[in-house]
Protein backbone atom coordinates (compact mmCIF):
# COMPACT_ATOMS: atom_id res chain seq x y z
CA UNK A 1 -21.82 9.65 -7.99
CA UNK A 2 -24.88 11.03 -6.24
CA UNK A 3 -24.90 10.99 -2.46
CA UNK A 4 -28.06 8.84 -2.53
CA UNK A 5 -26.40 6.21 -4.72
CA UNK A 6 -23.32 6.16 -2.46
CA UNK A 7 -25.42 5.85 0.67
CA UNK A 8 -27.53 3.07 -0.88
CA UNK A 9 -24.37 1.13 -1.75
CA UNK A 10 -23.04 1.56 1.79
CA UNK A 11 -26.34 0.41 3.30
CA UNK A 12 -26.46 -2.59 0.94
CA UNK A 13 -22.97 -3.57 2.13
CA UNK A 14 -23.96 -3.22 5.79
CA UNK A 15 -27.12 -5.28 5.25
CA UNK A 16 -25.02 -7.96 3.55
CA UNK A 17 -22.51 -7.87 6.44
CA UNK A 18 -25.35 -8.75 8.80
CA UNK A 19 -25.23 -12.26 7.30
CA UNK A 20 -21.96 -12.80 9.16
CA UNK A 21 -24.07 -13.18 12.31
CA UNK A 22 -25.61 -16.32 10.74
CA UNK A 23 -22.27 -17.91 9.87
CA UNK A 24 -21.48 -20.43 12.59
CA UNK A 25 -17.92 -21.23 13.55
CA UNK A 26 -16.49 -24.41 15.05
CA UNK A 27 -15.35 -22.51 18.16
CA UNK A 28 -17.69 -22.49 21.14
CA UNK A 29 -18.36 -19.61 23.47
CA UNK A 30 -16.15 -19.77 26.57
CA UNK A 31 -19.10 -21.02 28.62
CA UNK A 32 -19.55 -23.91 26.17
CA UNK A 33 -23.24 -23.12 25.70
CA UNK A 34 -23.13 -22.90 21.88
CA UNK A 35 -20.90 -22.24 18.91
CA UNK A 36 -20.08 -18.62 18.19
CA UNK A 37 -20.96 -16.93 14.94
CA UNK A 38 -18.45 -15.08 12.79
CA UNK A 39 -19.90 -11.68 13.69
CA UNK A 40 -19.31 -12.39 17.37
CA UNK A 41 -15.81 -13.62 16.60
CA UNK A 42 -14.94 -10.46 14.66
CA UNK A 43 -16.16 -8.23 17.48
CA UNK A 44 -14.35 -10.27 20.13
CA UNK A 45 -10.98 -10.30 18.39
CA UNK A 46 -11.25 -6.55 17.77
CA UNK A 47 -11.62 -6.23 21.54
CA UNK A 48 -8.67 -8.61 22.00
CA UNK A 49 -6.53 -6.39 19.76
CA UNK A 50 -7.52 -3.25 21.62
CA UNK A 51 -6.76 -4.91 24.96
CA UNK A 52 -3.57 -6.75 24.01
CA UNK A 53 -1.99 -4.19 21.64
CA UNK A 54 0.76 -3.43 24.15
CA UNK A 55 2.00 -7.02 23.73
CA UNK A 56 2.77 -6.66 20.03
CA UNK A 57 6.44 -7.29 19.37
CA UNK A 58 6.50 -4.43 16.83
CA UNK A 59 4.94 -0.95 16.75
CA UNK A 60 1.39 -1.17 15.39
CA UNK A 61 -1.50 1.13 14.59
CA UNK A 62 -4.21 -0.50 16.69
CA UNK A 63 -7.01 1.27 14.79
CA UNK A 64 -5.77 -0.33 11.53
CA UNK A 65 -5.50 -3.71 13.27
CA UNK A 66 -9.07 -3.40 14.55
CA UNK A 67 -10.28 -2.39 11.09
CA UNK A 68 -8.65 -5.49 9.58
CA UNK A 69 -10.15 -7.73 12.22
CA UNK A 70 -13.63 -6.31 11.72
CA UNK A 71 -13.60 -7.06 7.98
CA UNK A 72 -11.32 -10.09 7.60
CA UNK A 73 -14.04 -12.72 8.07
CA UNK A 74 -16.73 -11.06 5.91
CA UNK A 75 -15.77 -13.54 3.19
CA UNK A 76 -17.21 -16.29 5.40
CA UNK A 77 -20.66 -15.10 4.32
CA UNK A 78 -19.96 -16.93 1.03
CA UNK A 79 -17.03 -19.20 1.91
CA UNK A 80 -18.10 -20.39 5.37
CA UNK A 81 -15.78 -20.89 8.33
CA UNK A 82 -13.11 -23.50 7.80
CA UNK A 83 -11.55 -24.59 11.10
CA UNK A 84 -7.75 -24.44 11.05
CA UNK A 85 -7.49 -28.04 12.29
CA UNK A 86 -9.92 -29.48 9.73
CA UNK A 87 -9.01 -31.21 6.48
CA UNK A 88 -9.68 -28.95 3.48
CA UNK A 89 -8.26 -27.92 0.10
CA UNK A 90 -6.28 -24.78 0.93
CA UNK A 91 -6.03 -23.53 -2.67
CA UNK A 92 -9.75 -24.02 -3.28
CA UNK A 93 -10.66 -22.25 -0.03
CA UNK A 94 -8.39 -19.31 -0.88
CA UNK A 95 -9.99 -19.00 -4.33
CA UNK A 96 -13.47 -19.11 -2.80
CA UNK A 97 -12.53 -16.43 -0.29
CA UNK A 98 -11.02 -14.16 -2.97
CA UNK A 99 -14.22 -14.43 -5.01
CA UNK A 100 -16.24 -13.64 -1.88
CA UNK A 101 -14.05 -10.59 -1.19
CA UNK A 102 -14.62 -9.37 -4.76
CA UNK A 103 -18.38 -9.73 -4.41
CA UNK A 104 -18.87 -8.41 -0.89
CA UNK A 105 -16.47 -5.45 -1.00
CA UNK A 106 -17.75 -4.75 -4.51
CA UNK A 107 -21.08 -3.72 -3.00
CA UNK A 108 -19.41 -0.56 -1.67
CA UNK A 109 -18.66 2.64 -3.58
CA UNK A 110 -15.40 2.22 -5.52
CA UNK A 111 -13.19 4.16 -3.10
CA UNK A 112 -14.38 2.20 -0.07
CA UNK A 113 -14.40 -1.08 -1.99
CA UNK A 114 -10.74 -0.54 -2.89
CA UNK A 115 -9.79 0.45 0.65
CA UNK A 116 -11.57 -2.48 2.31
CA UNK A 117 -10.23 -4.95 -0.25
CA UNK A 118 -6.67 -3.65 0.20
CA UNK A 119 -7.02 -4.03 3.96
CA UNK A 120 -8.37 -7.58 3.56
CA UNK A 121 -5.50 -8.45 1.19
CA UNK A 122 -3.00 -6.99 3.67
CA UNK A 123 -4.46 -9.13 6.46
CA UNK A 124 -4.33 -12.26 4.30
CA UNK A 125 -0.72 -11.64 3.23
CA UNK A 126 0.38 -11.03 6.85
CA UNK A 127 3.52 -9.15 5.86
CA UNK A 128 3.06 -5.76 7.57
CA UNK A 129 3.41 -5.34 11.33
CA UNK A 130 -0.30 -4.47 11.64
CA UNK A 131 -1.38 -7.56 9.68
CA UNK A 132 1.02 -9.87 11.51
CA UNK A 133 -0.37 -8.74 14.86
CA UNK A 134 -3.95 -8.99 13.58
CA UNK A 135 -3.34 -12.58 12.41
CA UNK A 136 -1.76 -13.39 15.77
CA UNK A 137 -4.73 -12.11 17.71
CA UNK A 138 -7.15 -13.88 15.37
CA UNK A 139 -5.52 -17.16 16.47
CA UNK A 140 -5.52 -16.38 20.22
CA UNK A 141 -9.26 -16.21 20.85
CA UNK A 142 -10.09 -19.79 19.71
CA UNK A 143 -7.22 -21.13 21.86
CA UNK A 144 -8.69 -19.48 24.93
CA UNK A 145 -12.15 -20.77 24.07
CA UNK A 146 -10.83 -24.32 23.68
CA UNK A 147 -9.02 -24.09 27.00
CA UNK A 148 -12.16 -22.78 28.70
CA UNK A 149 -14.34 -25.55 27.26
CA UNK A 150 -12.16 -28.52 28.16
CA UNK A 151 -10.51 -28.81 24.77
CA UNK A 152 -13.46 -27.83 22.55
CA UNK A 153 -12.57 -28.40 18.92
CA UNK A 154 -9.16 -29.83 19.83
CA UNK A 155 -11.04 -32.94 20.94
CA UNK A 156 -13.27 -32.91 17.87
CA UNK A 157 -10.31 -32.69 15.44
CA UNK A 158 -7.87 -34.82 17.51
CA UNK A 159 -5.40 -31.92 17.71
CA UNK A 160 -1.96 -32.69 19.09
CA UNK A 161 0.32 -30.30 20.93
CA UNK A 162 2.67 -30.30 17.94
CA UNK A 163 -0.17 -29.41 15.55
CA UNK A 164 -1.28 -26.59 17.82
CA UNK A 165 2.26 -25.25 17.97
CA UNK A 166 2.80 -25.35 14.19
CA UNK A 167 -0.67 -24.19 13.05
CA UNK A 168 -1.37 -21.64 15.77
CA UNK A 169 1.63 -20.99 17.98
CA UNK A 170 3.95 -20.08 15.13
CA UNK A 171 1.45 -17.48 13.89
CA UNK A 172 0.82 -16.01 17.33
CA UNK A 173 4.58 -15.81 18.00
CA UNK A 174 5.11 -13.73 14.86
CA UNK A 175 3.16 -10.82 16.33
CA UNK A 176 2.57 -11.45 20.03
CA UNK A 177 5.20 -13.84 21.42
CA UNK A 178 4.57 -12.86 25.03
CA UNK A 179 0.90 -13.83 24.65
CA UNK A 180 1.84 -17.24 23.23
CA UNK A 181 4.43 -17.82 25.95
CA UNK A 182 1.78 -17.30 28.62
CA UNK A 183 -0.76 -19.45 26.78
CA UNK A 184 1.77 -22.27 26.37
CA UNK A 185 1.78 -22.91 30.12
CA UNK A 186 -2.01 -23.33 30.04
CA UNK A 187 -1.86 -25.43 26.88
CA UNK A 188 0.85 -27.68 28.32
CA UNK A 189 -1.31 -28.31 31.39
CA UNK A 190 -4.25 -29.25 29.18
CA UNK A 191 -2.23 -31.64 27.03
CA UNK A 192 -0.62 -33.17 30.15
């Protein structure tokens, strides 16, 4: 492949990735001023991972975790953001996201497309220590935002403490139990 063709493919991918900034999420900014976009979310959780890596319950490669977090939501360009507490068809959403991953990562040169897709698949499967921690951290940021905004989407989706524990807490505990333990005291105060 010529270097110009490779570079054009990489630039096309990066231009496409810019669309993530236009994908709105249910989660608000911590100041409650507006909903965040998926590009902001991806950056913020990468920063969370870098900052909280020492709280992983297993050895991790933080650069791999950050890489996963930076690409894991690119599929939302096509599939949109589906809030964890909303009512949706899980199988249909997963199929939509897989098709989006094929299309978006397919814009890259083959070697990068394969690498990015493998990293996305690893994140989704959440079986390796890096992916488990990445999934944990992905769940932490919205919790903090909801706490900072007086309940945020928890109010909107009528979330109970039990739902939060099963849908979010269990995932955070898999990779960062100390983080969840600290958050639980804040969450318990909110639900009280």
